[in-house]
Amino acid sequence: MTYMDQVPAQKTAVNYLRKAMDALPGQFILTGHSKGGNLASYAASQIEPEYQERIQSIYSYDAPGLNHSVITSQGYQTISDKIKRYIPQGSIVGMMLETPKQAQIVKSTAIGSGPARYLHLADQWPDFCPTGQP
């Protein structure tokens, strides 16, 4: 992901999404945490336009960004407004690679309570409250 335009998991994600959309009618909401969020965003950006029209939104939780060639692609530009990014305070994973989409920062109980890797655990995000809000 850091030095390749596409890794095998991303190619698989596009194919999986296409098969799911061929099998099921209606709108789709894609979501993923960590690499899953990267795969959801990648698949949505690289699938054919007729499928992109059926994607209602993409929710990405503390996921690494995408390669520059993906971010600048027409497919990404088409779906970028549908992406909702969430990262915990002090995120490391969610700031890797290119992340042009502004993220909502959420509280994490892992701040100051242990190794930084705990920040990445979604169960450390109490009530999923955005920072600065009760």
N, C-alpha and C. Protein backbone atom coordinates (compact mmCIF):
# COMPACT_ATOMS: atom_id res chain seq x y z
N MET A 1 0.82 -1.19 0.00
CA MET A 1 0.00 0.00 0.00
C MET A 1 0.87 1.25 0.00
N THR A 2 2.05 1.17 0.56
CA THR A 2 2.88 2.37 0.65
C THR A 2 3.66 2.63 -0.62
N TYR A 3 3.91 1.61 -1.42
CA TYR A 3 4.73 1.82 -2.61
C TYR A 3 4.10 1.26 -3.89
N MET A 4 2.95 0.64 -3.79
CA MET A 4 2.27 0.09 -4.96
C MET A 4 0.94 0.82 -5.18
N ASP A 5 0.58 0.99 -6.44
CA ASP A 5 -0.71 1.61 -6.74
C ASP A 5 -1.86 0.74 -6.28
N GLN A 6 -1.68 -0.57 -6.36
CA GLN A 6 -2.73 -1.51 -5.96
C GLN A 6 -2.08 -2.75 -5.35
N VAL A 7 -2.56 -3.14 -4.17
CA VAL A 7 -2.09 -4.39 -3.56
C VAL A 7 -3.17 -5.45 -3.81
N PRO A 8 -2.82 -6.73 -3.72
CA PRO A 8 -3.81 -7.78 -4.01
C PRO A 8 -5.12 -7.65 -3.23
N ALA A 9 -5.06 -7.25 -1.98
CA ALA A 9 -6.29 -7.12 -1.19
C ALA A 9 -7.22 -6.06 -1.78
N GLN A 10 -6.66 -5.00 -2.34
CA GLN A 10 -7.48 -3.95 -2.94
C GLN A 10 -8.16 -4.46 -4.21
N LYS A 11 -7.43 -5.20 -5.02
CA LYS A 11 -8.02 -5.79 -6.23
C LYS A 11 -9.16 -6.74 -5.84
N THR A 12 -8.93 -7.54 -4.82
CA THR A 12 -9.95 -8.47 -4.33
C THR A 12 -11.17 -7.71 -3.82
N ALA A 13 -10.95 -6.59 -3.15
CA ALA A 13 -12.06 -5.79 -2.61
C ALA A 13 -12.95 -5.25 -3.73
N VAL A 14 -12.35 -4.80 -4.83
CA VAL A 14 -13.14 -4.31 -5.96
C VAL A 14 -13.98 -5.45 -6.54
N ASN A 15 -13.38 -6.61 -6.72
CA ASN A 15 -14.11 -7.76 -7.27
C ASN A 15 -15.23 -8.21 -6.34
N TYR A 16 -14.96 -8.22 -5.04
CA TYR A 16 -15.96 -8.61 -4.05
C TYR A 16 -17.15 -7.64 -4.07
N LEU A 17 -16.85 -6.35 -4.11
CA LEU A 17 -17.91 -5.34 -4.14
C LEU A 17 -18.75 -5.49 -5.41
N ARG A 18 -18.11 -5.72 -6.54
CA ARG A 18 -18.83 -5.89 -7.80
C ARG A 18 -19.77 -7.10 -7.71
N LYS A 19 -19.28 -8.21 -7.18
CA LYS A 19 -20.12 -9.42 -7.05
C LYS A 19 -21.29 -9.17 -6.12
N ALA A 20 -21.04 -8.49 -5.01
CA ALA A 20 -22.12 -8.19 -4.06
C ALA A 20 -23.17 -7.30 -4.70
N MET A 21 -22.73 -6.30 -5.45
CA MET A 21 -23.67 -5.37 -6.07
C MET A 21 -24.43 -6.03 -7.22
N ASP A 22 -23.81 -6.99 -7.88
CA ASP A 22 -24.51 -7.75 -8.92
C ASP A 22 -25.58 -8.65 -8.30
N ALA A 23 -25.32 -9.15 -7.10
CA ALA A 23 -26.23 -10.09 -6.45
C ALA A 23 -27.36 -9.43 -5.68
N LEU A 24 -27.14 -8.20 -5.23
CA LEU A 24 -28.11 -7.53 -4.37
C LEU A 24 -28.57 -6.21 -4.97
N PRO A 25 -29.87 -5.92 -4.90
CA PRO A 25 -30.37 -4.65 -5.44
C PRO A 25 -30.18 -3.51 -4.45
N GLY A 26 -30.42 -2.31 -4.92
CA GLY A 26 -30.49 -1.16 -4.03
C GLY A 26 -29.16 -0.48 -3.76
N GLN A 27 -29.23 0.41 -2.76
CA GLN A 27 -28.08 1.21 -2.36
C GLN A 27 -27.17 0.43 -1.41
N PHE A 28 -25.91 0.82 -1.37
CA PHE A 28 -24.93 0.18 -0.51
C PHE A 28 -24.27 1.22 0.39
N ILE A 29 -24.00 0.82 1.62
CA ILE A 29 -23.19 1.59 2.55
C ILE A 29 -21.97 0.73 2.84
N LEU A 30 -20.79 1.27 2.55
CA LEU A 30 -19.55 0.53 2.78
C LEU A 30 -18.91 1.03 4.06
N THR A 31 -18.27 0.13 4.78
CA THR A 31 -17.61 0.52 6.02
C THR A 31 -16.42 -0.38 6.28
N GLY A 32 -15.46 0.13 7.05
CA GLY A 32 -14.32 -0.68 7.42
C GLY A 32 -13.44 0.02 8.43
N HIS A 33 -12.77 -0.78 9.25
CA HIS A 33 -11.83 -0.29 10.24
C HIS A 33 -10.42 -0.68 9.81
N SER A 34 -9.49 0.24 9.91
CA SER A 34 -8.10 0.00 9.59
C SER A 34 -7.97 -0.35 8.10
N LYS A 35 -7.32 -1.47 7.79
CA LYS A 35 -7.17 -1.83 6.38
C LYS A 35 -8.52 -2.01 5.71
N GLY A 36 -9.53 -2.43 6.48
CA GLY A 36 -10.88 -2.58 5.92
C GLY A 36 -11.44 -1.26 5.43
N GLY A 37 -11.15 -0.17 6.13
CA GLY A 37 -11.58 1.15 5.68
C GLY A 37 -10.86 1.57 4.41
N ASN A 38 -9.58 1.23 4.35
CA ASN A 38 -8.81 1.49 3.14
C ASN A 38 -9.40 0.72 1.97
N LEU A 39 -9.72 -0.55 2.21
CA LEU A 39 -10.28 -1.39 1.14
C LEU A 39 -11.65 -0.90 0.69
N ALA A 40 -12.47 -0.46 1.62
CA ALA A 40 -13.80 0.07 1.27
C ALA A 40 -13.66 1.32 0.40
N SER A 41 -12.78 2.23 0.80
CA SER A 41 -12.58 3.46 0.03
C SER A 41 -11.98 3.16 -1.34
N TYR A 42 -11.01 2.26 -1.36
CA TYR A 42 -10.38 1.89 -2.63
C TYR A 42 -11.39 1.26 -3.58
N ALA A 43 -12.12 0.26 -3.09
CA ALA A 43 -13.09 -0.44 -3.94
C ALA A 43 -14.12 0.53 -4.50
N ALA A 44 -14.63 1.42 -3.66
CA ALA A 44 -15.62 2.40 -4.11
C ALA A 44 -15.05 3.32 -5.18
N SER A 45 -13.78 3.64 -5.05
CA SER A 45 -13.17 4.59 -5.99
C SER A 45 -12.77 3.95 -7.31
N GLN A 46 -12.59 2.64 -7.33
CA GLN A 46 -12.08 1.98 -8.53
C GLN A 46 -13.11 1.13 -9.26
N ILE A 47 -14.30 1.01 -8.70
CA ILE A 47 -15.35 0.24 -9.37
C ILE A 47 -15.99 1.10 -10.47
N GLU A 48 -16.65 0.48 -11.40
CA GLU A 48 -17.23 1.18 -12.53
C GLU A 48 -18.30 2.19 -12.08
N PRO A 49 -18.47 3.28 -12.86
CA PRO A 49 -19.40 4.35 -12.48
C PRO A 49 -20.83 3.89 -12.21
N GLU A 50 -21.32 2.90 -12.94
CA GLU A 50 -22.70 2.45 -12.71
C GLU A 50 -22.86 1.84 -11.32
N TYR A 51 -21.80 1.28 -10.79
CA TYR A 51 -21.83 0.77 -9.41
C TYR A 51 -21.66 1.91 -8.41
N GLN A 52 -20.80 2.86 -8.73
CA GLN A 52 -20.57 4.00 -7.83
C GLN A 52 -21.87 4.75 -7.54
N GLU A 53 -22.75 4.81 -8.51
CA GLU A 53 -24.03 5.50 -8.33
C GLU A 53 -24.87 4.86 -7.23
N ARG A 54 -24.66 3.58 -6.98
CA ARG A 54 -25.44 2.85 -5.97
C ARG A 54 -24.81 2.90 -4.58
N ILE A 55 -23.64 3.50 -4.47
CA ILE A 55 -22.98 3.61 -3.17
C ILE A 55 -23.49 4.87 -2.49
N GLN A 56 -24.16 4.67 -1.37
CA GLN A 56 -24.74 5.80 -0.63
C GLN A 56 -23.67 6.52 0.18
N SER A 57 -22.82 5.76 0.88
CA SER A 57 -21.77 6.36 1.69
C SER A 57 -20.71 5.33 2.03
N ILE A 58 -19.54 5.83 2.43
CA ILE A 58 -18.42 5.00 2.85
C ILE A 58 -17.97 5.52 4.20
N TYR A 59 -17.96 4.66 5.21
CA TYR A 59 -17.50 5.02 6.55
C TYR A 59 -16.17 4.33 6.81
N SER A 60 -15.16 5.13 7.08
CA SER A 60 -13.80 4.63 7.27
C SER A 60 -13.34 4.99 8.68
N TYR A 61 -12.95 3.96 9.45
CA TYR A 61 -12.57 4.15 10.85
C TYR A 61 -11.08 3.87 11.04
N ASP A 62 -10.32 4.93 11.31
CA ASP A 62 -8.88 4.86 11.55
C ASP A 62 -8.17 4.02 10.49
N ALA A 63 -8.47 4.33 9.24
CA ALA A 63 -7.88 3.61 8.12
C ALA A 63 -6.76 4.43 7.49
N PRO A 64 -5.73 3.74 6.99
CA PRO A 64 -4.71 4.47 6.24
C PRO A 64 -5.31 5.05 4.97
N GLY A 65 -4.70 6.09 4.48
CA GLY A 65 -5.17 6.72 3.25
C GLY A 65 -4.87 5.86 2.04
N LEU A 66 -4.81 6.50 0.90
CA LEU A 66 -4.61 5.80 -0.36
C LEU A 66 -3.40 6.35 -1.09
N ASN A 67 -2.93 5.61 -2.06
CA ASN A 67 -1.82 6.02 -2.90
C ASN A 67 -2.22 7.26 -3.71
N HIS A 68 -1.25 8.10 -4.02
CA HIS A 68 -1.52 9.35 -4.75
C HIS A 68 -2.26 9.10 -6.07
N SER A 69 -1.89 8.04 -6.79
CA SER A 69 -2.55 7.78 -8.08
C SER A 69 -4.03 7.47 -7.90
N VAL A 70 -4.40 6.91 -6.77
CA VAL A 70 -5.81 6.62 -6.49
C VAL A 70 -6.54 7.92 -6.14
N ILE A 71 -5.94 8.72 -5.28
CA ILE A 71 -6.54 9.99 -4.84
C ILE A 71 -6.82 10.91 -6.02
N THR A 72 -5.96 10.88 -7.02
CA THR A 72 -6.13 11.77 -8.17
C THR A 72 -6.96 11.15 -9.30
N SER A 73 -7.42 9.91 -9.11
CA SER A 73 -8.19 9.24 -10.16
C SER A 73 -9.60 9.83 -10.26
N GLN A 74 -10.19 9.70 -11.43
CA GLN A 74 -11.56 10.16 -11.65
C GLN A 74 -12.53 9.42 -10.74
N GLY A 75 -12.30 8.13 -10.57
CA GLY A 75 -13.18 7.34 -9.71
C GLY A 75 -13.20 7.85 -8.28
N TYR A 76 -12.03 8.21 -7.75
CA TYR A 76 -11.98 8.73 -6.38
C TYR A 76 -12.68 10.09 -6.32
N GLN A 77 -12.45 10.92 -7.30
CA GLN A 77 -13.09 12.24 -7.31
C GLN A 77 -14.61 12.10 -7.33
N THR A 78 -15.11 11.08 -8.01
CA THR A 78 -16.55 10.85 -8.10
C THR A 78 -17.16 10.50 -6.74
N ILE A 79 -16.45 9.71 -5.93
CA ILE A 79 -17.04 9.23 -4.68
C ILE A 79 -16.52 9.95 -3.43
N SER A 80 -15.60 10.86 -3.58
CA SER A 80 -14.94 11.45 -2.40
C SER A 80 -15.93 12.13 -1.45
N ASP A 81 -16.98 12.72 -1.96
CA ASP A 81 -17.96 13.37 -1.07
C ASP A 81 -18.77 12.36 -0.25
N LYS A 82 -18.72 11.10 -0.64
CA LYS A 82 -19.46 10.06 0.09
C LYS A 82 -18.65 9.47 1.24
N ILE A 83 -17.36 9.79 1.31
CA ILE A 83 -16.49 9.22 2.34
C ILE A 83 -16.60 10.01 3.63
N LYS A 84 -16.82 9.28 4.72
CA LYS A 84 -16.83 9.85 6.08
C LYS A 84 -15.68 9.17 6.82
N ARG A 85 -14.68 9.96 7.23
CA ARG A 85 -13.52 9.40 7.93
C ARG A 85 -13.59 9.74 9.41
N TYR A 86 -13.27 8.75 10.23
CA TYR A 86 -13.21 8.93 11.69
C TYR A 86 -11.88 8.38 12.18
N ILE A 87 -11.18 9.18 12.97
CA ILE A 87 -9.93 8.73 13.57
C ILE A 87 -9.91 9.13 15.04
N PRO A 88 -9.22 8.34 15.87
CA PRO A 88 -9.14 8.70 17.29
C PRO A 88 -8.10 9.80 17.50
N GLN A 89 -8.21 10.50 18.62
CA GLN A 89 -7.20 11.48 19.00
C GLN A 89 -5.83 10.80 18.94
N GLY A 90 -4.85 11.49 18.39
CA GLY A 90 -3.49 10.95 18.35
C GLY A 90 -3.28 9.81 17.38
N SER A 91 -4.16 9.65 16.43
CA SER A 91 -4.09 8.54 15.48
C SER A 91 -2.76 8.53 14.73
N ILE A 92 -2.26 7.34 14.54
CA ILE A 92 -1.09 7.13 13.69
C ILE A 92 -1.53 6.46 12.40
N VAL A 93 -2.26 5.37 12.51
CA VAL A 93 -2.70 4.59 11.35
C VAL A 93 -3.55 5.44 10.41
N GLY A 94 -4.49 6.18 10.95
CA GLY A 94 -5.39 6.98 10.13
C GLY A 94 -4.75 8.17 9.44
N MET A 95 -3.48 8.43 9.74
CA MET A 95 -2.78 9.54 9.11
C MET A 95 -1.75 9.07 8.09
N MET A 96 -1.65 7.77 7.89
CA MET A 96 -0.68 7.24 6.94
C MET A 96 -1.19 7.40 5.51
N LEU A 97 -0.27 7.53 4.59
CA LEU A 97 -0.54 7.72 3.17
C LEU A 97 -1.33 9.01 2.96
N GLU A 98 -1.91 9.17 1.78
CA GLU A 98 -2.63 10.41 1.49
C GLU A 98 -4.06 10.33 2.01
N THR A 99 -4.44 11.35 2.73
CA THR A 99 -5.78 11.41 3.32
C THR A 99 -6.37 12.79 3.09
N PRO A 100 -6.77 13.08 1.85
CA PRO A 100 -7.28 14.42 1.56
C PRO A 100 -8.62 14.72 2.20
N LYS A 101 -9.34 13.69 2.55
CA LYS A 101 -10.66 13.86 3.15
C LYS A 101 -10.49 14.20 4.63
N GLN A 102 -11.06 15.31 5.06
CA GLN A 102 -10.98 15.72 6.47
C GLN A 102 -11.62 14.66 7.35
N ALA A 103 -10.96 14.31 8.44
CA ALA A 103 -11.48 13.29 9.35
C ALA A 103 -12.14 13.93 10.56
N GLN A 104 -13.15 13.27 11.07
CA GLN A 104 -13.76 13.63 12.35
C GLN A 104 -12.91 12.96 13.41
N ILE A 105 -12.39 13.72 14.36
CA ILE A 105 -11.56 13.17 15.42
C ILE A 105 -12.45 12.82 16.60
N VAL A 106 -12.33 11.58 17.07
CA VAL A 106 -13.16 11.12 18.19
C VAL A 106 -12.29 10.89 19.42
N LYS A 107 -12.92 10.97 20.58
CA LYS A 107 -12.23 10.75 21.85
C LYS A 107 -11.72 9.32 21.93
N SER A 108 -10.60 9.15 22.62
CA SER A 108 -10.06 7.82 22.87
C SER A 108 -9.62 7.73 24.32
N THR A 109 -10.06 6.69 25.01
CA THR A 109 -9.63 6.50 26.40
C THR A 109 -8.20 6.00 26.47
N ALA A 110 -7.62 5.66 25.33
CA ALA A 110 -6.25 5.16 25.30
C ALA A 110 -5.21 6.28 25.43
N ILE A 111 -5.62 7.54 25.28
CA ILE A 111 -4.68 8.65 25.40
C ILE A 111 -4.06 8.61 26.79
N GLY A 112 -2.74 8.47 26.85
CA GLY A 112 -2.03 8.48 28.11
C GLY A 112 -2.20 7.25 28.97
N SER A 113 -2.84 6.21 28.45
CA SER A 113 -3.10 5.04 29.30
C SER A 113 -2.35 3.79 28.86
N GLY A 114 -1.45 3.92 27.94
CA GLY A 114 -0.73 2.74 27.51
C GLY A 114 -0.08 2.96 26.16
N PRO A 115 0.35 1.87 25.53
CA PRO A 115 1.01 1.97 24.24
C PRO A 115 0.12 2.66 23.19
N ALA A 116 0.76 3.37 22.28
CA ALA A 116 0.03 4.09 21.23
C ALA A 116 -0.83 3.16 20.39
N ARG A 117 -0.47 1.90 20.31
CA ARG A 117 -1.27 0.97 19.48
C ARG A 117 -2.70 0.84 20.00
N TYR A 118 -2.91 1.13 21.28
CA TYR A 118 -4.25 1.06 21.85
C TYR A 118 -5.18 2.11 21.24
N LEU A 119 -4.62 3.19 20.72
CA LEU A 119 -5.44 4.22 20.09
C LEU A 119 -6.23 3.64 18.92
N HIS A 120 -5.67 2.65 18.28
CA HIS A 120 -6.26 2.07 17.07
C HIS A 120 -7.46 1.17 17.38
N LEU A 121 -7.62 0.79 18.63
CA LEU A 121 -8.71 -0.11 19.01
C LEU A 121 -10.00 0.67 19.17
N ALA A 122 -10.98 0.35 18.35
CA ALA A 122 -12.25 1.09 18.35
C ALA A 122 -12.98 0.98 19.67
N ASP A 123 -12.72 -0.06 20.46
CA ASP A 123 -13.40 -0.15 21.75
C ASP A 123 -12.85 0.85 22.77
N GLN A 124 -11.82 1.59 22.39
CA GLN A 124 -11.27 2.64 23.23
C GLN A 124 -11.88 4.00 22.88
N TRP A 125 -12.87 4.01 22.02
CA TRP A 125 -13.54 5.24 21.59
C TRP A 125 -14.91 5.28 22.26
N PRO A 126 -14.99 5.75 23.51
CA PRO A 126 -16.24 5.67 24.27
C PRO A 126 -17.38 6.43 23.61
N ASP A 127 -18.47 5.72 23.48
CA ASP A 127 -19.70 6.32 22.95
C ASP A 127 -19.50 7.01 21.61
N PHE A 128 -18.35 6.83 21.03
CA PHE A 128 -18.06 7.41 19.72
C PHE A 128 -18.38 8.90 19.68
N CYS A 129 -18.04 9.61 20.75
CA CYS A 129 -18.30 11.05 20.85
C CYS A 129 -17.19 11.82 20.16
N PRO A 130 -17.53 12.71 19.23
CA PRO A 130 -16.50 13.57 18.66
C PRO A 130 -15.87 14.43 19.76
N THR A 131 -14.59 14.73 19.61
CA THR A 131 -13.94 15.58 20.60
C THR A 131 -14.60 16.95 20.61
N GLY A 132 -14.64 17.56 21.79
CA GLY A 132 -15.26 18.88 21.92
C GLY A 132 -16.76 18.82 22.10
N GLN A 133 -17.32 17.62 22.20
CA GLN A 133 -18.76 17.46 22.40
C GLN A 133 -18.98 16.55 23.60
N PRO A 134 -20.10 16.69 24.30
CA PRO A 134 -20.36 15.84 25.48
C PRO A 134 -20.51 14.38 25.12
